[in-house]
ModelCIF file with pLDDT and N, C-alpha, C, O atoms, coordinates in Angstrom:
data_MODEL
#
_entry.id   MODEL 
#
_entity.id                         1 
_entity.type                       polymer 
_entity.pdbx_number_of_molecules   1 
#
_entity_poly.entity_id                      1 
_entity_poly.type                           'polypeptide(L)' 
_entity_poly.nstd_linkage                   no 
_entity_poly.nstd_monomer                   no 
_entity_poly.pdbx_seq_one_letter_code       TENLNPNLQTILNRIQGSIITKKAEPLPHRQPFKTAAVRF 
_entity_poly.pdbx_seq_one_letter_code_can   TENLNPNLQTILNRIQGSIITKKAEPLPHRQPFKTAAVRF 
_entity_poly.pdbx_strand_id                 A 
#
loop_
_entity_poly_seq.entity_id 
_entity_poly_seq.num 
_entity_poly_seq.mon_id 
_entity_poly_seq.hetero 
1 1  THR n 
1 2  GLU n 
1 3  ASN n 
1 4  LEU n 
1 5  ASN n 
1 6  PRO n 
1 7  ASN n 
1 8  LEU n 
1 9  GLN n 
1 10 THR n 
1 11 ILE n 
1 12 LEU n 
1 13 ASN n 
1 14 ARG n 
1 15 ILE n 
1 16 GLN n 
1 17 GLY n 
1 18 SER n 
1 19 ILE n 
1 20 ILE n 
1 21 THR n 
1 22 LYS n 
1 23 LYS n 
1 24 ALA n 
1 25 GLU n 
1 26 PRO n 
1 27 LEU n 
1 28 PRO n 
1 29 HIS n 
1 30 ARG n 
1 31 GLN n 
1 32 PRO n 
1 33 PHE n 
1 34 LYS n 
1 35 THR n 
1 36 ALA n 
1 37 ALA n 
1 38 VAL n 
1 39 ARG n 
1 40 PHE n 
#
_struct_asym.id          A 
_struct_asym.entity_id   1 
#
loop_
_ma_qa_metric.id 
_ma_qa_metric.mode 
_ma_qa_metric.name 
_ma_qa_metric.software_group_id 
_ma_qa_metric.type 
1 global pLDDT . pLDDT 
2 local  pLDDT . pLDDT 
#
_ma_qa_metric_global.metric_id      1 
_ma_qa_metric_global.metric_value   83.25 
_ma_qa_metric_global.model_id       1 
_ma_qa_metric_global.ordinal_id     1 
#
loop_
_ma_qa_metric_local.label_asym_id 
_ma_qa_metric_local.label_comp_id 
_ma_qa_metric_local.label_seq_id 
_ma_qa_metric_local.metric_id 
_ma_qa_metric_local.metric_value 
_ma_qa_metric_local.model_id 
_ma_qa_metric_local.ordinal_id 
A THR 1  2 88.00 1 1  
A GLU 2  2 91.00 1 2  
A ASN 3  2 91.00 1 3  
A LEU 4  2 88.00 1 4  
A ASN 5  2 86.00 1 5  
A PRO 6  2 89.00 1 6  
A ASN 7  2 88.00 1 7  
A LEU 8  2 87.00 1 8  
A GLN 9  2 86.00 1 9  
A THR 10 2 89.00 1 10 
A ILE 11 2 87.00 1 11 
A LEU 12 2 84.00 1 12 
A ASN 13 2 83.00 1 13 
A ARG 14 2 83.00 1 14 
A ILE 15 2 77.00 1 15 
A GLN 16 2 73.00 1 16 
A GLY 17 2 63.00 1 17 
A SER 18 2 55.00 1 18 
A ILE 19 2 56.00 1 19 
A ILE 20 2 54.00 1 20 
A THR 21 2 54.00 1 21 
A LYS 22 2 49.00 1 22 
A LYS 23 2 63.00 1 23 
A ALA 24 2 71.00 1 24 
A GLU 25 2 78.00 1 25 
A PRO 26 2 89.00 1 26 
A LEU 27 2 89.00 1 27 
A PRO 28 2 92.00 1 28 
A HIS 29 2 92.00 1 29 
A ARG 30 2 92.00 1 30 
A GLN 31 2 95.00 1 31 
A PRO 32 2 96.00 1 32 
A PHE 33 2 98.00 1 33 
A LYS 34 2 97.00 1 34 
A THR 35 2 96.00 1 35 
A ALA 36 2 97.00 1 36 
A ALA 37 2 97.00 1 37 
A VAL 38 2 95.00 1 38 
A ARG 39 2 95.00 1 39 
A PHE 40 2 97.00 1 40 
#
loop_
_atom_site.group_PDB 
_atom_site.id 
_atom_site.type_symbol 
_atom_site.label_atom_id 
_atom_site.label_alt_id 
_atom_site.label_comp_id 
_atom_site.label_asym_id 
_atom_site.label_entity_id 
_atom_site.label_seq_id 
_atom_site.pdbx_PDB_ins_code 
_atom_site.Cartn_x 
_atom_site.Cartn_y 
_atom_site.Cartn_z 
_atom_site.occupancy 
_atom_site.B_iso_or_equiv 
_atom_site.pdbx_formal_charge 
_atom_site.auth_seq_id 
_atom_site.auth_comp_id 
_atom_site.auth_asym_id 
_atom_site.auth_atom_id 
_atom_site.pdbx_PDB_model_num 
ATOM 1   N N  . THR A 1 1  ? -17.832 20.354 -9.659  1.00 88.00 ? 1  THR A N  1 
ATOM 2   C CA . THR A 1 1  ? -17.714 19.151 -10.476 1.00 88.00 ? 1  THR A CA 1 
ATOM 3   C C  . THR A 1 1  ? -17.914 19.434 -11.959 1.00 88.00 ? 1  THR A C  1 
ATOM 4   O O  . THR A 1 1  ? -17.236 18.843 -12.799 1.00 88.00 ? 1  THR A O  1 
ATOM 5   N N  . GLU A 1 2  ? -18.830 20.326 -12.284 1.00 91.00 ? 2  GLU A N  1 
ATOM 6   C CA . GLU A 1 2  ? -19.123 20.605 -13.692 1.00 91.00 ? 2  GLU A CA 1 
ATOM 7   C C  . GLU A 1 2  ? -17.948 21.271 -14.410 1.00 91.00 ? 2  GLU A C  1 
ATOM 8   O O  . GLU A 1 2  ? -17.910 21.307 -15.640 1.00 91.00 ? 2  GLU A O  1 
ATOM 9   N N  . ASN A 1 3  ? -16.983 21.801 -13.636 1.00 91.00 ? 3  ASN A N  1 
ATOM 10  C CA . ASN A 1 3  ? -15.804 22.424 -14.229 1.00 91.00 ? 3  ASN A CA 1 
ATOM 11  C C  . ASN A 1 3  ? -14.592 21.493 -14.263 1.00 91.00 ? 3  ASN A C  1 
ATOM 12  O O  . ASN A 1 3  ? -13.494 21.909 -14.632 1.00 91.00 ? 3  ASN A O  1 
ATOM 13  N N  . LEU A 1 4  ? -14.796 20.248 -13.882 1.00 88.00 ? 4  LEU A N  1 
ATOM 14  C CA . LEU A 1 4  ? -13.716 19.272 -13.869 1.00 88.00 ? 4  LEU A CA 1 
ATOM 15  C C  . LEU A 1 4  ? -13.595 18.664 -15.272 1.00 88.00 ? 4  LEU A C  1 
ATOM 16  O O  . LEU A 1 4  ? -14.135 17.592 -15.542 1.00 88.00 ? 4  LEU A O  1 
ATOM 17  N N  . ASN A 1 5  ? -12.878 19.365 -16.159 1.00 86.00 ? 5  ASN A N  1 
ATOM 18  C CA . ASN A 1 5  ? -12.770 18.946 -17.555 1.00 86.00 ? 5  ASN A CA 1 
ATOM 19  C C  . ASN A 1 5  ? -11.859 17.736 -17.706 1.00 86.00 ? 5  ASN A C  1 
ATOM 20  O O  . ASN A 1 5  ? -11.092 17.432 -16.792 1.00 86.00 ? 5  ASN A O  1 
ATOM 21  N N  . PRO A 1 6  ? -11.923 17.027 -18.854 1.00 89.00 ? 6  PRO A N  1 
ATOM 22  C CA . PRO A 1 6  ? -11.106 15.815 -19.053 1.00 89.00 ? 6  PRO A CA 1 
ATOM 23  C C  . PRO A 1 6  ? -9.609  16.053 -18.882 1.00 89.00 ? 6  PRO A C  1 
ATOM 24  O O  . PRO A 1 6  ? -8.911  15.201 -18.332 1.00 89.00 ? 6  PRO A O  1 
ATOM 25  N N  . ASN A 1 7  ? -9.105  17.191 -19.341 1.00 88.00 ? 7  ASN A N  1 
ATOM 26  C CA . ASN A 1 7  ? -7.680  17.467 -19.197 1.00 88.00 ? 7  ASN A CA 1 
ATOM 27  C C  . ASN A 1 7  ? -7.295  17.561 -17.718 1.00 88.00 ? 7  ASN A C  1 
ATOM 28  O O  . ASN A 1 7  ? -6.266  17.034 -17.296 1.00 88.00 ? 7  ASN A O  1 
ATOM 29  N N  . LEU A 1 8  ? -8.136  18.238 -16.947 1.00 87.00 ? 8  LEU A N  1 
ATOM 30  C CA . LEU A 1 8  ? -7.881  18.381 -15.520 1.00 87.00 ? 8  LEU A CA 1 
ATOM 31  C C  . LEU A 1 8  ? -8.000  17.037 -14.804 1.00 87.00 ? 8  LEU A C  1 
ATOM 32  O O  . LEU A 1 8  ? -7.234  16.750 -13.884 1.00 87.00 ? 8  LEU A O  1 
ATOM 33  N N  . GLN A 1 9  ? -8.951  16.226 -15.222 1.00 86.00 ? 9  GLN A N  1 
ATOM 34  C CA . GLN A 1 9  ? -9.090  14.897 -14.638 1.00 86.00 ? 9  GLN A CA 1 
ATOM 35  C C  . GLN A 1 9  ? -7.844  14.059 -14.878 1.00 86.00 ? 9  GLN A C  1 
ATOM 36  O O  . GLN A 1 9  ? -7.397  13.329 -13.993 1.00 86.00 ? 9  GLN A O  1 
ATOM 37  N N  . THR A 1 10 ? -7.283  14.169 -16.083 1.00 89.00 ? 10 THR A N  1 
ATOM 38  C CA . THR A 1 10 ? -6.060  13.420 -16.412 1.00 89.00 ? 10 THR A CA 1 
ATOM 39  C C  . THR A 1 10 ? -4.907  13.850 -15.514 1.00 89.00 ? 10 THR A C  1 
ATOM 40  O O  . THR A 1 10 ? -4.148  13.014 -15.023 1.00 89.00 ? 10 THR A O  1 
ATOM 41  N N  . ILE A 1 11 ? -4.780  15.166 -15.303 1.00 87.00 ? 11 ILE A N  1 
ATOM 42  C CA . ILE A 1 11 ? -3.714  15.684 -14.442 1.00 87.00 ? 11 ILE A CA 1 
ATOM 43  C C  . ILE A 1 11 ? -3.888  15.185 -13.010 1.00 87.00 ? 11 ILE A C  1 
ATOM 44  O O  . ILE A 1 11 ? -2.927  14.734 -12.386 1.00 87.00 ? 11 ILE A O  1 
ATOM 45  N N  . LEU A 1 12 ? -5.095  15.265 -12.497 1.00 84.00 ? 12 LEU A N  1 
ATOM 46  C CA . LEU A 1 12 ? -5.352  14.854 -11.120 1.00 84.00 ? 12 LEU A CA 1 
ATOM 47  C C  . LEU A 1 12 ? -5.151  13.360 -10.931 1.00 84.00 ? 12 LEU A C  1 
ATOM 48  O O  . LEU A 1 12 ? -4.641  12.928 -9.898  1.00 84.00 ? 12 LEU A O  1 
ATOM 49  N N  . ASN A 1 13 ? -5.548  12.564 -11.926 1.00 83.00 ? 13 ASN A N  1 
ATOM 50  C CA . ASN A 1 13 ? -5.326  11.126 -11.835 1.00 83.00 ? 13 ASN A CA 1 
ATOM 51  C C  . ASN A 1 13 ? -3.834  10.806 -11.759 1.00 83.00 ? 13 ASN A C  1 
ATOM 52  O O  . ASN A 1 13 ? -3.423  9.845  -11.109 1.00 83.00 ? 13 ASN A O  1 
ATOM 53  N N  . ARG A 1 14 ? -3.042  11.623 -12.428 1.00 83.00 ? 14 ARG A N  1 
ATOM 54  C CA . ARG A 1 14 ? -1.598  11.382 -12.455 1.00 83.00 ? 14 ARG A CA 1 
ATOM 55  C C  . ARG A 1 14 ? -0.939  11.772 -11.136 1.00 83.00 ? 14 ARG A C  1 
ATOM 56  O O  . ARG A 1 14 ? -0.034  11.084 -10.665 1.00 83.00 ? 14 ARG A O  1 
ATOM 57  N N  . ILE A 1 15 ? -1.392  12.882 -10.537 1.00 77.00 ? 15 ILE A N  1 
ATOM 58  C CA . ILE A 1 15 ? -0.710  13.366 -9.329  1.00 77.00 ? 15 ILE A CA 1 
ATOM 59  C C  . ILE A 1 15 ? -1.441  13.011 -8.042  1.00 77.00 ? 15 ILE A C  1 
ATOM 60  O O  . ILE A 1 15 ? -0.852  13.094 -6.964  1.00 77.00 ? 15 ILE A O  1 
ATOM 61  N N  . GLN A 1 16 ? -2.713  12.617 -8.126  1.00 73.00 ? 16 GLN A N  1 
ATOM 62  C CA . GLN A 1 16 ? -3.487  12.296 -6.933  1.00 73.00 ? 16 GLN A CA 1 
ATOM 63  C C  . GLN A 1 16 ? -3.791  10.801 -6.823  1.00 73.00 ? 16 GLN A C  1 
ATOM 64  O O  . GLN A 1 16 ? -4.010  10.286 -5.726  1.00 73.00 ? 16 GLN A O  1 
ATOM 65  N N  . GLY A 1 17 ? -3.803  10.116 -7.952  1.00 63.00 ? 17 GLY A N  1 
ATOM 66  C CA . GLY A 1 17 ? -4.252  8.740  -7.944  1.00 63.00 ? 17 GLY A CA 1 
ATOM 67  C C  . GLY A 1 17 ? -5.715  8.664  -8.320  1.00 63.00 ? 17 GLY A C  1 
ATOM 68  O O  . GLY A 1 17 ? -6.523  9.460  -7.841  1.00 63.00 ? 17 GLY A O  1 
ATOM 69  N N  . SER A 1 18 ? -6.061  7.723  -9.165  1.00 55.00 ? 18 SER A N  1 
ATOM 70  C CA . SER A 1 18 ? -7.443  7.593  -9.620  1.00 55.00 ? 18 SER A CA 1 
ATOM 71  C C  . SER A 1 18 ? -8.320  7.057  -8.501  1.00 55.00 ? 18 SER A C  1 
ATOM 72  O O  . SER A 1 18 ? -7.907  6.167  -7.757  1.00 55.00 ? 18 SER A O  1 
ATOM 73  N N  . ILE A 1 19 ? -9.533  7.595  -8.379  1.00 56.00 ? 19 ILE A N  1 
ATOM 74  C CA . ILE A 1 19 ? -10.445 7.137  -7.328  1.00 56.00 ? 19 ILE A CA 1 
ATOM 75  C C  . ILE A 1 19 ? -10.963 5.733  -7.611  1.00 56.00 ? 19 ILE A C  1 
ATOM 76  O O  . ILE A 1 19 ? -11.562 5.115  -6.730  1.00 56.00 ? 19 ILE A O  1 
ATOM 77  N N  . ILE A 1 20 ? -10.749 5.218  -8.810  1.00 54.00 ? 20 ILE A N  1 
ATOM 78  C CA . ILE A 1 20 ? -11.252 3.881  -9.124  1.00 54.00 ? 20 ILE A CA 1 
ATOM 79  C C  . ILE A 1 20 ? -10.184 2.818  -8.905  1.00 54.00 ? 20 ILE A C  1 
ATOM 80  O O  . ILE A 1 20 ? -10.460 1.631  -9.077  1.00 54.00 ? 20 ILE A O  1 
ATOM 81  N N  . THR A 1 21 ? -8.984  3.213  -8.532  1.00 54.00 ? 21 THR A N  1 
ATOM 82  C CA . THR A 1 21 ? -7.934  2.228  -8.264  1.00 54.00 ? 21 THR A CA 1 
ATOM 83  C C  . THR A 1 21 ? -7.981  1.817  -6.805  1.00 54.00 ? 21 THR A C  1 
ATOM 84  O O  . THR A 1 21 ? -8.490  2.545  -5.954  1.00 54.00 ? 21 THR A O  1 
ATOM 85  N N  . LYS A 1 22 ? -7.437  0.630  -6.528  1.00 49.00 ? 22 LYS A N  1 
ATOM 86  C CA . LYS A 1 22 ? -7.431  0.124  -5.165  1.00 49.00 ? 22 LYS A CA 1 
ATOM 87  C C  . LYS A 1 22 ? -6.411  0.868  -4.296  1.00 49.00 ? 22 LYS A C  1 
ATOM 88  O O  . LYS A 1 22 ? -6.445  0.767  -3.070  1.00 49.00 ? 22 LYS A O  1 
ATOM 89  N N  . LYS A 1 23 ? -5.517  1.607  -4.928  1.00 63.00 ? 23 LYS A N  1 
ATOM 90  C CA . LYS A 1 23 ? -4.473  2.299  -4.187  1.00 63.00 ? 23 LYS A CA 1 
ATOM 91  C C  . LYS A 1 23 ? -4.872  3.726  -3.803  1.00 63.00 ? 23 LYS A C  1 
ATOM 92  O O  . LYS A 1 23 ? -4.054  4.493  -3.295  1.00 63.00 ? 23 LYS A O  1 
ATOM 93  N N  . ALA A 1 24 ? -6.117  4.064  -4.047  1.00 71.00 ? 24 ALA A N  1 
ATOM 94  C CA . ALA A 1 24 ? -6.563  5.416  -3.701  1.00 71.00 ? 24 ALA A CA 1 
ATOM 95  C C  . ALA A 1 24 ? -6.386  5.655  -2.213  1.00 71.00 ? 24 ALA A C  1 
ATOM 96  O O  . ALA A 1 24 ? -6.652  4.769  -1.401  1.00 71.00 ? 24 ALA A O  1 
ATOM 97  N N  . GLU A 1 25 ? -5.937  6.852  -1.851  1.00 78.00 ? 25 GLU A N  1 
ATOM 98  C CA . GLU A 1 25 ? -5.726  7.166  -0.449  1.00 78.00 ? 25 GLU A CA 1 
ATOM 99  C C  . GLU A 1 25 ? -7.059  7.292  0.290   1.00 78.00 ? 25 GLU A C  1 
ATOM 100 O O  . GLU A 1 25 ? -8.068  7.663  -0.308  1.00 78.00 ? 25 GLU A O  1 
ATOM 101 N N  . PRO A 1 26 ? -7.064  6.987  1.576   1.00 89.00 ? 26 PRO A N  1 
ATOM 102 C CA . PRO A 1 26 ? -8.298  7.137  2.361   1.00 89.00 ? 26 PRO A CA 1 
ATOM 103 C C  . PRO A 1 26 ? -8.685  8.603  2.467   1.00 89.00 ? 26 PRO A C  1 
ATOM 104 O O  . PRO A 1 26 ? -7.834  9.488  2.383   1.00 89.00 ? 26 PRO A O  1 
ATOM 105 N N  . LEU A 1 27 ? -9.969  8.850  2.650   1.00 89.00 ? 27 LEU A N  1 
ATOM 106 C CA . LEU A 1 27 ? -10.458 10.209 2.816   1.00 89.00 ? 27 LEU A CA 1 
ATOM 107 C C  . LEU A 1 27 ? -10.370 10.605 4.287   1.00 89.00 ? 27 LEU A C  1 
ATOM 108 O O  . LEU A 1 27 ? -10.791 9.840  5.154   1.00 89.00 ? 27 LEU A O  1 
ATOM 109 N N  . PRO A 1 28 ? -9.831  11.784 4.581   1.00 92.00 ? 28 PRO A N  1 
ATOM 110 C CA . PRO A 1 28 ? -9.605  12.190 5.981   1.00 92.00 ? 28 PRO A CA 1 
ATOM 111 C C  . PRO A 1 28 ? -10.842 12.117 6.862   1.00 92.00 ? 28 PRO A C  1 
ATOM 112 O O  . PRO A 1 28 ? -10.760 11.655 8.001   1.00 92.00 ? 28 PRO A O  1 
ATOM 113 N N  . HIS A 1 29 ? -11.993 12.567 6.352   1.00 92.00 ? 29 HIS A N  1 
ATOM 114 C CA . HIS A 1 29 ? -13.174 12.634 7.211   1.00 92.00 ? 29 HIS A CA 1 
ATOM 115 C C  . HIS A 1 29 ? -13.829 11.275 7.421   1.00 92.00 ? 29 HIS A C  1 
ATOM 116 O O  . HIS A 1 29 ? -14.667 11.118 8.309   1.00 92.00 ? 29 HIS A O  1 
ATOM 117 N N  . ARG A 1 30 ? -13.449 10.288 6.606   1.00 92.00 ? 30 ARG A N  1 
ATOM 118 C CA . ARG A 1 30 ? -14.023 8.953  6.767   1.00 92.00 ? 30 ARG A CA 1 
ATOM 119 C C  . ARG A 1 30 ? -13.072 8.004  7.492   1.00 92.00 ? 30 ARG A C  1 
ATOM 120 O O  . ARG A 1 30 ? -13.513 7.167  8.279   1.00 92.00 ? 30 ARG A O  1 
ATOM 121 N N  . GLN A 1 31 ? -11.779 8.130  7.234   1.00 95.00 ? 31 GLN A N  1 
ATOM 122 C CA . GLN A 1 31 ? -10.781 7.266  7.865   1.00 95.00 ? 31 GLN A CA 1 
ATOM 123 C C  . GLN A 1 31 ? -9.610  8.115  8.364   1.00 95.00 ? 31 GLN A C  1 
ATOM 124 O O  . GLN A 1 31 ? -8.512  8.038  7.813   1.00 95.00 ? 31 GLN A O  1 
ATOM 125 N N  . PRO A 1 32 ? -9.835  8.913  9.392   1.00 96.00 ? 32 PRO A N  1 
ATOM 126 C CA . PRO A 1 32 ? -8.788  9.839  9.853   1.00 96.00 ? 32 PRO A CA 1 
ATOM 127 C C  . PRO A 1 32 ? -7.518  9.150  10.330  1.00 96.00 ? 32 PRO A C  1 
ATOM 128 O O  . PRO A 1 32 ? -6.419  9.639  10.067  1.00 96.00 ? 32 PRO A O  1 
ATOM 129 N N  . PHE A 1 33 ? -7.647  8.015  11.031  1.00 98.00 ? 33 PHE A N  1 
ATOM 130 C CA . PHE A 1 33 ? -6.455  7.346  11.548  1.00 98.00 ? 33 PHE A CA 1 
ATOM 131 C C  . PHE A 1 33 ? -5.649  6.720  10.410  1.00 98.00 ? 33 PHE A C  1 
ATOM 132 O O  . PHE A 1 33 ? -4.420  6.796  10.400  1.00 98.00 ? 33 PHE A O  1 
ATOM 133 N N  . LYS A 1 34 ? -6.333  6.107  9.461   1.00 97.00 ? 34 LYS A N  1 
ATOM 134 C CA . LYS A 1 34 ? -5.637  5.516  8.324   1.00 97.00 ? 34 LYS A CA 1 
ATOM 135 C C  . LYS A 1 34 ? -4.989  6.607  7.474   1.00 97.00 ? 34 LYS A C  1 
ATOM 136 O O  . LYS A 1 34 ? -3.887  6.426  6.954   1.00 97.00 ? 34 LYS A O  1 
ATOM 137 N N  . THR A 1 35 ? -5.680  7.738  7.336   1.00 96.00 ? 35 THR A N  1 
ATOM 138 C CA . THR A 1 35 ? -5.128  8.859  6.589   1.00 96.00 ? 35 THR A CA 1 
ATOM 139 C C  . THR A 1 35 ? -3.839  9.347  7.231   1.00 96.00 ? 35 THR A C  1 
ATOM 140 O O  . THR A 1 35 ? -2.858  9.617  6.539   1.00 96.00 ? 35 THR A O  1 
ATOM 141 N N  . ALA A 1 36 ? -3.844  9.460  8.560   1.00 97.00 ? 36 ALA A N  1 
ATOM 142 C CA . ALA A 1 36 ? -2.656  9.917  9.279   1.00 97.00 ? 36 ALA A CA 1 
ATOM 143 C C  . ALA A 1 36 ? -1.490  8.964  9.059   1.00 97.00 ? 36 ALA A C  1 
ATOM 144 O O  . ALA A 1 36 ? -0.357  9.404  8.865   1.00 97.00 ? 36 ALA A O  1 
ATOM 145 N N  . ALA A 1 37 ? -1.761  7.653  9.088   1.00 97.00 ? 37 ALA A N  1 
ATOM 146 C CA . ALA A 1 37 ? -0.700  6.664  8.881   1.00 97.00 ? 37 ALA A CA 1 
ATOM 147 C C  . ALA A 1 37 ? -0.124  6.756  7.471   1.00 97.00 ? 37 ALA A C  1 
ATOM 148 O O  . ALA A 1 37 ? 1.090   6.693  7.281   1.00 97.00 ? 37 ALA A O  1 
ATOM 149 N N  . VAL A 1 38 ? -1.004  6.904  6.489   1.00 95.00 ? 38 VAL A N  1 
ATOM 150 C CA . VAL A 1 38 ? -0.559  6.991  5.096   1.00 95.00 ? 38 VAL A CA 1 
ATOM 151 C C  . VAL A 1 38 ? 0.279   8.254  4.870   1.00 95.00 ? 38 VAL A C  1 
ATOM 152 O O  . VAL A 1 38 ? 1.303   8.217  4.188   1.00 95.00 ? 38 VAL A O  1 
ATOM 153 N N  . ARG A 1 39 ? -0.167  9.361  5.446   1.00 95.00 ? 39 ARG A N  1 
ATOM 154 C CA . ARG A 1 39 ? 0.541   10.629 5.227   1.00 95.00 ? 39 ARG A CA 1 
ATOM 155 C C  . ARG A 1 39 ? 1.903   10.644 5.939   1.00 95.00 ? 39 ARG A C  1 
ATOM 156 O O  . ARG A 1 39 ? 2.873   11.200 5.423   1.00 95.00 ? 39 ARG A O  1 
ATOM 157 N N  . PHE A 1 40 ? 1.963   10.038 7.111   1.00 97.00 ? 40 PHE A N  1 
ATOM 158 C CA . PHE A 1 40 ? 3.266   9.992  7.779   1.00 97.00 ? 40 PHE A CA 1 
ATOM 159 C C  . PHE A 1 40 ? 4.224   9.100  7.001   1.00 97.00 ? 40 PHE A C  1 
ATOM 160 O O  . PHE A 1 40 ? 5.376   8.932  7.403   1.00 97.00 ? 40 PHE A O  1 
#
């Protein structure tokens, strides 16, 4: 985490989706079935 610089955070938000948005994808280990549906 300490190496997650602002530039890298900007890139990840663009290609991964921001964790503070409602559209963030579910986490596999917490919602495996929902994750599978989203990925398919």
